[in-house]
Amino acid sequence: MTPDLTFILGGARSGKSAHAERLAAESGLPVTYIATARIGDDAEFAERVRHHRERRPAHWALLEAPLDLAGALREADRAGHCVLIDCLTLWLANVLFASASANDEIAVLPVSARDAFAQFDTALANTRGKVIVVSNEIGLGVVPLGSVTRLYVDELGRLNQRVAAASTRVTMMVAGLPLTLKG
């Protein structure tokens, strides 16, 4: 059985989260929102998260999964239910830098990240309900300077490709407009 998986990509402020939330609400199913963000000491980022929280319906369930996205997906997923994951971009940063200090230069994918990706890929392939996944498309520009940034862009590109291949529908958001890429 093919999972009911919708993947929504876009740049910053392209409308991808709002579109995903609209699709989840329109599904008519109970919704669990899986948030991957870690706020930390960043006041501006905390304001962004607050805006997302206020926009979501109060009756939606919430799971916070900055690292164990596969576990959160397995916990929330069930037939007749919608899971919205927002977003892979932040989750990847959390996973890549989970054990790194601010001064560490990582140039290769840590084994723990490979394990997290494999677990997420498996959880996604085995879903029974409707799943909507949001991610940024950041690979449209020049090759970034610095090994850490290149590693991040490369790994997000690979992650996005795997999720898109597994998805029944893929939408690219540009200036608030959904462009159907698949399905």
N, C-alpha and C. Protein backbone atom coordinates (compact mmCIF):
# COMPACT_ATOMS: atom_id res chain seq x y z
N MET A 1 0.84 -1.18 0.00
CA MET A 1 0.00 0.00 0.00
C MET A 1 0.89 1.24 0.00
N THR A 2 0.61 2.19 -0.90
CA THR A 2 1.38 3.42 -1.00
C THR A 2 0.94 4.39 0.07
N PRO A 3 1.89 4.96 0.81
CA PRO A 3 1.52 5.96 1.82
C PRO A 3 0.87 7.18 1.18
N ASP A 4 -0.02 7.83 1.92
CA ASP A 4 -0.65 9.08 1.50
C ASP A 4 0.26 10.20 1.98
N LEU A 5 1.26 10.52 1.16
CA LEU A 5 2.32 11.43 1.56
C LEU A 5 2.36 12.64 0.62
N THR A 6 2.24 13.83 1.20
CA THR A 6 2.34 15.08 0.46
C THR A 6 3.58 15.81 0.93
N PHE A 7 4.42 16.21 -0.01
CA PHE A 7 5.66 16.90 0.29
C PHE A 7 5.57 18.32 -0.25
N ILE A 8 5.83 19.30 0.61
CA ILE A 8 5.74 20.71 0.22
C ILE A 8 7.09 21.36 0.41
N LEU A 9 7.63 21.87 -0.69
CA LEU A 9 8.93 22.53 -0.71
C LEU A 9 8.76 24.00 -1.05
N GLY A 10 9.74 24.79 -0.68
CA GLY A 10 9.74 26.19 -1.07
C GLY A 10 10.86 26.93 -0.37
N GLY A 11 11.07 28.14 -0.80
CA GLY A 11 12.08 28.98 -0.17
C GLY A 11 11.52 29.62 1.09
N ALA A 12 12.34 30.44 1.71
CA ALA A 12 11.91 31.16 2.91
C ALA A 12 10.75 32.09 2.57
N ARG A 13 9.74 32.07 3.40
CA ARG A 13 8.55 32.92 3.25
C ARG A 13 7.81 32.70 1.93
N SER A 14 7.85 31.47 1.43
CA SER A 14 7.15 31.15 0.18
C SER A 14 5.70 30.75 0.40
N GLY A 15 5.32 30.52 1.68
CA GLY A 15 3.96 30.11 1.99
C GLY A 15 3.79 28.62 2.21
N LYS A 16 4.90 27.91 2.33
CA LYS A 16 4.82 26.45 2.43
C LYS A 16 4.13 25.97 3.70
N SER A 17 4.43 26.56 4.85
CA SER A 17 3.79 26.14 6.10
C SER A 17 2.30 26.44 6.09
N ALA A 18 1.94 27.63 5.64
CA ALA A 18 0.52 28.00 5.58
C ALA A 18 -0.23 27.07 4.63
N HIS A 19 0.37 26.71 3.51
CA HIS A 19 -0.26 25.80 2.56
C HIS A 19 -0.43 24.41 3.18
N ALA A 20 0.61 23.94 3.86
CA ALA A 20 0.54 22.63 4.52
C ALA A 20 -0.56 22.63 5.58
N GLU A 21 -0.64 23.69 6.36
CA GLU A 21 -1.67 23.79 7.39
C GLU A 21 -3.07 23.81 6.78
N ARG A 22 -3.21 24.48 5.65
CA ARG A 22 -4.50 24.52 4.95
C ARG A 22 -4.89 23.12 4.48
N LEU A 23 -3.94 22.39 3.90
CA LEU A 23 -4.21 21.02 3.44
C LEU A 23 -4.60 20.12 4.60
N ALA A 24 -3.90 20.25 5.72
CA ALA A 24 -4.22 19.44 6.90
C ALA A 24 -5.62 19.75 7.39
N ALA A 25 -5.97 21.03 7.48
CA ALA A 25 -7.30 21.43 7.94
C ALA A 25 -8.39 20.94 6.98
N GLU A 26 -8.12 21.04 5.69
CA GLU A 26 -9.10 20.63 4.68
C GLU A 26 -9.27 19.12 4.59
N SER A 27 -8.33 18.37 5.18
CA SER A 27 -8.43 16.90 5.13
C SER A 27 -9.64 16.40 5.91
N GLY A 28 -10.10 17.19 6.88
CA GLY A 28 -11.22 16.78 7.71
C GLY A 28 -10.84 15.73 8.75
N LEU A 29 -9.57 15.41 8.84
CA LEU A 29 -9.08 14.39 9.78
C LEU A 29 -8.54 15.06 11.04
N PRO A 30 -8.47 14.31 12.14
CA PRO A 30 -7.74 14.83 13.30
C PRO A 30 -6.28 15.05 12.89
N VAL A 31 -5.66 16.11 13.39
CA VAL A 31 -4.30 16.48 12.96
C VAL A 31 -3.35 16.48 14.16
N THR A 32 -2.18 15.91 13.93
CA THR A 32 -1.06 16.06 14.86
C THR A 32 0.03 16.81 14.12
N TYR A 33 0.45 17.90 14.72
CA TYR A 33 1.50 18.75 14.17
C TYR A 33 2.81 18.36 14.85
N ILE A 34 3.80 17.95 14.06
CA ILE A 34 5.11 17.62 14.61
C ILE A 34 6.04 18.79 14.30
N ALA A 35 6.46 19.47 15.35
CA ALA A 35 7.36 20.62 15.23
C ALA A 35 8.79 20.17 15.47
N THR A 36 9.70 20.59 14.60
CA THR A 36 11.09 20.16 14.72
C THR A 36 12.01 21.26 15.25
N ALA A 37 11.48 22.45 15.49
CA ALA A 37 12.31 23.59 15.87
C ALA A 37 12.83 23.48 17.30
N ARG A 38 14.01 24.03 17.48
CA ARG A 38 14.59 24.29 18.81
C ARG A 38 14.76 25.80 18.88
N ILE A 39 14.18 26.42 19.88
CA ILE A 39 14.20 27.88 19.93
C ILE A 39 15.50 28.42 20.51
N GLY A 40 15.95 27.89 21.63
CA GLY A 40 17.17 28.38 22.24
C GLY A 40 17.04 29.82 22.71
N ASP A 41 18.10 30.59 22.57
CA ASP A 41 18.14 31.98 23.04
C ASP A 41 17.81 33.00 21.96
N ASP A 42 17.34 32.56 20.83
CA ASP A 42 17.11 33.44 19.68
C ASP A 42 15.71 34.05 19.76
N ALA A 43 15.61 35.31 20.16
CA ALA A 43 14.32 35.98 20.34
C ALA A 43 13.56 36.12 19.01
N GLU A 44 14.27 36.41 17.94
CA GLU A 44 13.61 36.57 16.64
C GLU A 44 13.02 35.23 16.19
N PHE A 45 13.77 34.15 16.38
CA PHE A 45 13.27 32.83 16.01
C PHE A 45 12.09 32.43 16.90
N ALA A 46 12.16 32.77 18.18
CA ALA A 46 11.05 32.49 19.09
C ALA A 46 9.78 33.19 18.61
N GLU A 47 9.91 34.37 18.06
CA GLU A 47 8.76 35.11 17.52
C GLU A 47 8.19 34.38 16.30
N ARG A 48 9.03 33.84 15.48
CA ARG A 48 8.57 33.07 14.31
C ARG A 48 7.77 31.84 14.77
N VAL A 49 8.30 31.15 15.76
CA VAL A 49 7.62 29.96 16.29
C VAL A 49 6.28 30.36 16.91
N ARG A 50 6.26 31.46 17.64
CA ARG A 50 5.01 31.94 18.24
C ARG A 50 3.96 32.21 17.16
N HIS A 51 4.38 32.82 16.08
CA HIS A 51 3.46 33.10 14.96
C HIS A 51 2.88 31.80 14.40
N HIS A 52 3.72 30.78 14.24
CA HIS A 52 3.24 29.49 13.75
C HIS A 52 2.24 28.88 14.74
N ARG A 53 2.55 28.95 16.02
CA ARG A 53 1.65 28.39 17.04
C ARG A 53 0.29 29.07 17.02
N GLU A 54 0.29 30.38 16.92
CA GLU A 54 -0.97 31.13 16.94
C GLU A 54 -1.82 30.86 15.71
N ARG A 55 -1.18 30.54 14.61
CA ARG A 55 -1.91 30.29 13.36
C ARG A 55 -2.58 28.92 13.35
N ARG A 56 -2.04 27.98 14.12
CA ARG A 56 -2.58 26.61 14.12
C ARG A 56 -3.85 26.52 14.95
N PRO A 57 -4.80 25.69 14.53
CA PRO A 57 -5.99 25.46 15.35
C PRO A 57 -5.62 24.87 16.72
N ALA A 58 -6.29 25.33 17.75
CA ALA A 58 -5.98 24.91 19.13
C ALA A 58 -6.26 23.42 19.35
N HIS A 59 -7.17 22.84 18.58
CA HIS A 59 -7.52 21.43 18.80
C HIS A 59 -6.53 20.45 18.14
N TRP A 60 -5.56 20.93 17.39
CA TRP A 60 -4.56 20.05 16.83
C TRP A 60 -3.62 19.58 17.93
N ALA A 61 -3.28 18.30 17.89
CA ALA A 61 -2.28 17.78 18.82
C ALA A 61 -0.90 18.27 18.38
N LEU A 62 0.01 18.37 19.33
CA LEU A 62 1.37 18.84 19.04
C LEU A 62 2.39 17.88 19.63
N LEU A 63 3.35 17.50 18.81
CA LEU A 63 4.52 16.75 19.27
C LEU A 63 5.74 17.57 18.88
N GLU A 64 6.67 17.74 19.80
CA GLU A 64 7.92 18.41 19.49
C GLU A 64 8.98 17.36 19.30
N ALA A 65 9.63 17.40 18.15
CA ALA A 65 10.61 16.36 17.80
C ALA A 65 11.84 16.99 17.15
N PRO A 66 12.67 17.66 17.94
CA PRO A 66 13.86 18.26 17.35
C PRO A 66 14.88 17.22 16.88
N LEU A 67 14.86 16.01 17.43
CA LEU A 67 15.82 14.98 17.04
C LEU A 67 15.16 13.67 16.60
N ASP A 68 14.23 13.14 17.38
CA ASP A 68 13.63 11.84 17.08
C ASP A 68 12.37 11.99 16.25
N LEU A 69 12.56 12.42 15.01
CA LEU A 69 11.42 12.62 14.11
C LEU A 69 10.76 11.29 13.75
N ALA A 70 11.55 10.26 13.56
CA ALA A 70 10.99 8.94 13.24
C ALA A 70 10.09 8.45 14.38
N GLY A 71 10.55 8.60 15.61
CA GLY A 71 9.75 8.17 16.76
C GLY A 71 8.46 8.96 16.89
N ALA A 72 8.54 10.26 16.66
CA ALA A 72 7.33 11.10 16.73
C ALA A 72 6.35 10.72 15.63
N LEU A 73 6.86 10.45 14.43
CA LEU A 73 5.98 10.05 13.34
C LEU A 73 5.30 8.72 13.65
N ARG A 74 6.07 7.76 14.14
CA ARG A 74 5.47 6.47 14.50
C ARG A 74 4.40 6.65 15.59
N GLU A 75 4.66 7.52 16.54
CA GLU A 75 3.71 7.77 17.63
C GLU A 75 2.42 8.42 17.13
N ALA A 76 2.54 9.36 16.21
CA ALA A 76 1.37 10.13 15.76
C ALA A 76 0.58 9.44 14.64
N ASP A 77 1.24 8.64 13.85
CA ASP A 77 0.63 8.06 12.65
C ASP A 77 -0.39 6.99 12.99
N ARG A 78 -1.54 7.08 12.34
CA ARG A 78 -2.56 6.03 12.40
C ARG A 78 -3.56 6.28 11.27
N ALA A 79 -4.25 5.26 10.87
CA ALA A 79 -5.26 5.39 9.82
C ALA A 79 -6.31 6.39 10.27
N GLY A 80 -6.81 7.17 9.30
CA GLY A 80 -7.84 8.15 9.61
C GLY A 80 -7.32 9.36 10.37
N HIS A 81 -6.04 9.64 10.25
CA HIS A 81 -5.40 10.74 10.97
C HIS A 81 -4.44 11.45 10.02
N CYS A 82 -4.21 12.72 10.26
CA CYS A 82 -3.27 13.51 9.46
C CYS A 82 -2.11 13.96 10.36
N VAL A 83 -0.90 13.76 9.87
CA VAL A 83 0.30 14.23 10.56
C VAL A 83 0.96 15.27 9.67
N LEU A 84 1.25 16.43 10.25
CA LEU A 84 1.94 17.50 9.53
C LEU A 84 3.31 17.70 10.19
N ILE A 85 4.37 17.50 9.42
CA ILE A 85 5.74 17.68 9.91
C ILE A 85 6.28 18.99 9.37
N ASP A 86 6.66 19.89 10.27
CA ASP A 86 7.19 21.19 9.86
C ASP A 86 8.41 21.50 10.73
N CYS A 87 9.60 21.42 10.25
CA CYS A 87 10.01 21.12 8.90
C CYS A 87 11.30 20.31 8.90
N LEU A 88 11.59 19.69 7.76
CA LEU A 88 12.81 18.88 7.63
C LEU A 88 14.06 19.73 7.72
N THR A 89 13.98 20.98 7.30
CA THR A 89 15.14 21.87 7.28
C THR A 89 15.72 22.06 8.68
N LEU A 90 14.84 22.34 9.64
CA LEU A 90 15.29 22.53 11.02
C LEU A 90 15.72 21.20 11.64
N TRP A 91 14.97 20.14 11.33
CA TRP A 91 15.33 18.82 11.87
C TRP A 91 16.74 18.43 11.43
N LEU A 92 17.05 18.64 10.15
CA LEU A 92 18.38 18.29 9.65
C LEU A 92 19.46 19.06 10.41
N ALA A 93 19.27 20.33 10.63
CA ALA A 93 20.25 21.12 11.39
C ALA A 93 20.42 20.55 12.79
N ASN A 94 19.31 20.21 13.43
CA ASN A 94 19.38 19.63 14.78
C ASN A 94 20.16 18.32 14.79
N VAL A 95 19.89 17.47 13.80
CA VAL A 95 20.53 16.16 13.74
C VAL A 95 22.03 16.30 13.41
N LEU A 96 22.35 17.15 12.44
CA LEU A 96 23.75 17.30 12.05
C LEU A 96 24.60 17.87 13.18
N PHE A 97 24.02 18.76 13.96
CA PHE A 97 24.80 19.46 14.97
C PHE A 97 24.42 19.05 16.39
N ALA A 98 23.79 17.90 16.55
CA ALA A 98 23.35 17.43 17.87
C ALA A 98 24.50 17.27 18.84
N SER A 99 25.61 16.78 18.36
CA SER A 99 26.73 16.54 19.27
C SER A 99 27.91 17.47 19.00
N ALA A 100 27.73 18.42 18.09
CA ALA A 100 28.82 19.34 17.76
C ALA A 100 28.72 20.60 18.62
N SER A 101 29.86 21.12 18.99
CA SER A 101 29.86 22.40 19.69
C SER A 101 29.89 23.51 18.65
N ALA A 102 29.70 24.73 19.08
CA ALA A 102 29.65 25.87 18.17
C ALA A 102 30.93 26.02 17.37
N ASN A 103 32.05 25.53 17.87
CA ASN A 103 33.33 25.69 17.18
C ASN A 103 33.71 24.50 16.32
N ASP A 104 32.93 23.43 16.37
CA ASP A 104 33.25 22.23 15.59
C ASP A 104 33.02 22.45 14.12
N GLU A 105 33.93 21.94 13.32
CA GLU A 105 33.79 21.94 11.87
C GLU A 105 33.49 20.51 11.45
N ILE A 106 32.25 20.22 11.11
CA ILE A 106 31.96 18.87 10.63
C ILE A 106 32.01 18.89 9.11
N ALA A 107 32.69 17.95 8.53
CA ALA A 107 32.82 17.90 7.08
C ALA A 107 32.24 16.62 6.50
N VAL A 108 31.97 15.67 7.37
CA VAL A 108 31.36 14.41 6.93
C VAL A 108 30.11 14.16 7.77
N LEU A 109 29.20 13.44 7.18
CA LEU A 109 27.95 13.13 7.84
C LEU A 109 28.20 12.22 9.04
N PRO A 110 27.81 12.65 10.25
CA PRO A 110 27.99 11.79 11.42
C PRO A 110 27.15 10.52 11.30
N VAL A 111 27.64 9.43 11.87
CA VAL A 111 26.92 8.15 11.85
C VAL A 111 25.54 8.32 12.49
N SER A 112 25.45 9.10 13.55
CA SER A 112 24.16 9.31 14.20
C SER A 112 23.15 9.94 13.25
N ALA A 113 23.61 10.81 12.35
CA ALA A 113 22.72 11.42 11.36
C ALA A 113 22.26 10.38 10.35
N ARG A 114 23.18 9.54 9.90
CA ARG A 114 22.81 8.47 8.96
C ARG A 114 21.74 7.57 9.56
N ASP A 115 21.92 7.24 10.83
CA ASP A 115 20.94 6.40 11.53
C ASP A 115 19.59 7.11 11.62
N ALA A 116 19.59 8.40 11.96
CA ALA A 116 18.35 9.17 12.06
C ALA A 116 17.64 9.23 10.71
N PHE A 117 18.40 9.41 9.62
CA PHE A 117 17.80 9.46 8.29
C PHE A 117 17.17 8.12 7.93
N ALA A 118 17.89 7.03 8.20
CA ALA A 118 17.38 5.69 7.88
C ALA A 118 16.10 5.40 8.67
N GLN A 119 16.09 5.77 9.94
CA GLN A 119 14.90 5.56 10.76
C GLN A 119 13.72 6.39 10.25
N PHE A 120 13.98 7.63 9.85
CA PHE A 120 12.92 8.47 9.31
C PHE A 120 12.39 7.92 7.99
N ASP A 121 13.30 7.53 7.10
CA ASP A 121 12.88 6.96 5.81
C ASP A 121 11.97 5.74 6.03
N THR A 122 12.33 4.87 6.98
CA THR A 122 11.53 3.68 7.28
C THR A 122 10.18 4.06 7.87
N ALA A 123 10.17 4.99 8.82
CA ALA A 123 8.91 5.43 9.42
C ALA A 123 7.99 6.02 8.37
N LEU A 124 8.54 6.82 7.47
CA LEU A 124 7.75 7.45 6.41
C LEU A 124 7.16 6.40 5.47
N ALA A 125 7.95 5.40 5.13
CA ALA A 125 7.49 4.35 4.21
C ALA A 125 6.39 3.50 4.81
N ASN A 126 6.30 3.46 6.14
CA ASN A 126 5.33 2.59 6.80
C ASN A 126 4.12 3.33 7.37
N THR A 127 3.91 4.57 6.95
CA THR A 127 2.77 5.33 7.49
C THR A 127 1.45 4.74 7.02
N ARG A 128 0.44 4.91 7.87
CA ARG A 128 -0.91 4.41 7.56
C ARG A 128 -1.91 5.54 7.34
N GLY A 129 -1.62 6.72 7.85
CA GLY A 129 -2.51 7.86 7.70
C GLY A 129 -2.01 8.82 6.65
N LYS A 130 -2.59 10.00 6.64
CA LYS A 130 -2.17 11.07 5.74
C LYS A 130 -1.00 11.80 6.39
N VAL A 131 0.06 12.02 5.63
CA VAL A 131 1.23 12.72 6.15
C VAL A 131 1.57 13.86 5.19
N ILE A 132 1.82 15.03 5.78
CA ILE A 132 2.25 16.22 5.03
C ILE A 132 3.59 16.64 5.60
N VAL A 133 4.59 16.76 4.73
CA VAL A 133 5.94 17.10 5.16
C VAL A 133 6.35 18.42 4.49
N VAL A 134 6.93 19.32 5.29
CA VAL A 134 7.38 20.62 4.79
C VAL A 134 8.91 20.67 4.85
N SER A 135 9.51 21.24 3.81
CA SER A 135 10.96 21.42 3.79
C SER A 135 11.31 22.62 2.92
N ASN A 136 12.47 23.19 3.18
CA ASN A 136 12.96 24.28 2.34
C ASN A 136 13.70 23.71 1.15
N GLU A 137 13.63 24.43 0.05
CA GLU A 137 14.45 24.14 -1.12
C GLU A 137 15.53 25.21 -1.12
N ILE A 138 16.74 24.81 -0.73
CA ILE A 138 17.81 25.80 -0.61
C ILE A 138 18.93 25.58 -1.62
N GLY A 139 18.78 24.61 -2.50
CA GLY A 139 19.85 24.28 -3.43
C GLY A 139 19.74 24.94 -4.78
N LEU A 140 19.06 26.06 -4.89
CA LEU A 140 18.88 26.70 -6.19
C LEU A 140 19.93 27.76 -6.49
N GLY A 141 20.82 28.03 -5.55
CA GLY A 141 21.81 29.08 -5.73
C GLY A 141 23.18 28.53 -6.03
N VAL A 142 24.17 29.34 -5.75
CA VAL A 142 25.56 28.95 -5.98
C VAL A 142 25.98 27.94 -4.92
N VAL A 143 27.07 27.23 -5.17
CA VAL A 143 27.61 26.30 -4.19
C VAL A 143 28.16 27.15 -3.04
N PRO A 144 27.70 26.88 -1.82
CA PRO A 144 28.10 27.73 -0.69
C PRO A 144 29.57 27.55 -0.30
N LEU A 145 30.10 28.60 0.31
CA LEU A 145 31.46 28.54 0.84
C LEU A 145 31.45 27.79 2.16
N GLY A 146 32.48 27.07 2.44
CA GLY A 146 32.63 26.38 3.72
C GLY A 146 32.10 24.96 3.68
N SER A 147 32.87 24.05 4.24
CA SER A 147 32.52 22.63 4.19
C SER A 147 31.25 22.32 4.97
N VAL A 148 31.03 23.00 6.08
CA VAL A 148 29.83 22.73 6.89
C VAL A 148 28.57 23.12 6.13
N THR A 149 28.60 24.28 5.50
CA THR A 149 27.43 24.73 4.74
C THR A 149 27.19 23.84 3.54
N ARG A 150 28.25 23.44 2.86
CA ARG A 150 28.09 22.53 1.71
C ARG A 150 27.51 21.19 2.16
N LEU A 151 27.99 20.66 3.29
CA LEU A 151 27.46 19.41 3.82
C LEU A 151 25.96 19.55 4.10
N TYR A 152 25.58 20.65 4.74
CA TYR A 152 24.16 20.87 5.06
C TYR A 152 23.31 20.94 3.78
N VAL A 153 23.73 21.74 2.81
CA VAL A 153 22.97 21.88 1.56
C VAL A 153 22.89 20.54 0.84
N ASP A 154 24.00 19.81 0.78
CA ASP A 154 24.01 18.50 0.11
C ASP A 154 23.07 17.52 0.81
N GLU A 155 23.14 17.46 2.13
CA GLU A 155 22.30 16.50 2.86
C GLU A 155 20.82 16.87 2.78
N LEU A 156 20.50 18.17 2.82
CA LEU A 156 19.10 18.55 2.66
C LEU A 156 18.60 18.20 1.26
N GLY A 157 19.44 18.40 0.26
CA GLY A 157 19.06 18.02 -1.10
C GLY A 157 18.79 16.53 -1.21
N ARG A 158 19.66 15.71 -0.61
CA ARG A 158 19.45 14.25 -0.63
C ARG A 158 18.20 13.85 0.14
N LEU A 159 17.99 14.46 1.31
CA LEU A 159 16.80 14.18 2.11
C LEU A 159 15.54 14.56 1.33
N ASN A 160 15.53 15.74 0.74
CA ASN A 160 14.37 16.17 -0.05
C ASN A 160 14.11 15.24 -1.22
N GLN A 161 15.16 14.77 -1.86
CA GLN A 161 14.97 13.84 -2.99
C GLN A 161 14.34 12.53 -2.53
N ARG A 162 14.78 12.01 -1.38
CA ARG A 162 14.21 10.76 -0.88
C ARG A 162 12.74 10.93 -0.52
N VAL A 163 12.41 12.03 0.15
CA VAL A 163 11.02 12.26 0.54
C VAL A 163 10.17 12.49 -0.70
N ALA A 164 10.66 13.24 -1.67
CA ALA A 164 9.91 13.47 -2.91
C ALA A 164 9.66 12.16 -3.65
N ALA A 165 10.65 11.29 -3.70
CA ALA A 165 10.48 10.00 -4.39
C ALA A 165 9.43 9.14 -3.70
N ALA A 166 9.35 9.22 -2.38
CA ALA A 166 8.38 8.42 -1.63
C ALA A 166 6.99 9.02 -1.64
N SER A 167 6.88 10.28 -2.02
CA SER A 167 5.60 11.00 -1.93
C SER A 167 4.67 10.71 -3.09
N THR A 168 3.38 10.78 -2.79
CA THR A 168 2.38 10.66 -3.84
C THR A 168 2.12 12.03 -4.49
N ARG A 169 2.34 13.10 -3.72
CA ARG A 169 2.18 14.45 -4.21
C ARG A 169 3.35 15.31 -3.74
N VAL A 170 3.87 16.15 -4.65
CA VAL A 170 4.93 17.10 -4.31
C VAL A 170 4.52 18.46 -4.86
N THR A 171 4.59 19.47 -3.99
CA THR A 171 4.22 20.84 -4.36
C THR A 171 5.39 21.76 -4.05
N MET A 172 5.69 22.65 -4.97
CA MET A 172 6.71 23.68 -4.77
C MET A 172 5.97 25.00 -4.60
N MET A 173 6.24 25.68 -3.50
CA MET A 173 5.61 26.97 -3.23
C MET A 173 6.53 28.09 -3.71
N VAL A 174 5.97 29.00 -4.49
CA VAL A 174 6.69 30.17 -4.97
C VAL A 174 5.77 31.37 -4.81
N ALA A 175 6.17 32.35 -4.02
CA ALA A 175 5.41 33.58 -3.80
C ALA A 175 3.97 33.28 -3.38
N GLY A 176 3.80 32.26 -2.55
CA GLY A 176 2.48 31.90 -2.05
C GLY A 176 1.64 31.07 -3.00
N LEU A 177 2.20 30.72 -4.14
CA LEU A 177 1.47 29.94 -5.15
C LEU A 177 1.97 28.51 -5.17
N PRO A 178 1.05 27.54 -5.08
CA PRO A 178 1.46 26.14 -5.16
C PRO A 178 1.64 25.68 -6.59
N LEU A 179 2.81 25.12 -6.87
CA LEU A 179 3.10 24.57 -8.20
C LEU A 179 3.22 23.05 -8.04
N THR A 180 2.38 22.29 -8.73
CA THR A 180 2.39 20.85 -8.61
C THR A 180 3.57 20.28 -9.37
N LEU A 181 4.41 19.53 -8.67
CA LEU A 181 5.54 18.86 -9.30
C LEU A 181 5.28 17.38 -9.52
N LYS A 182 4.42 16.80 -8.66
CA LYS A 182 4.12 15.37 -8.74
C LYS A 182 2.72 15.16 -8.20
N GLY A 183 1.95 14.30 -8.87
CA GLY A 183 0.61 13.95 -8.38
C GLY A 183 -0.38 14.90 -8.88
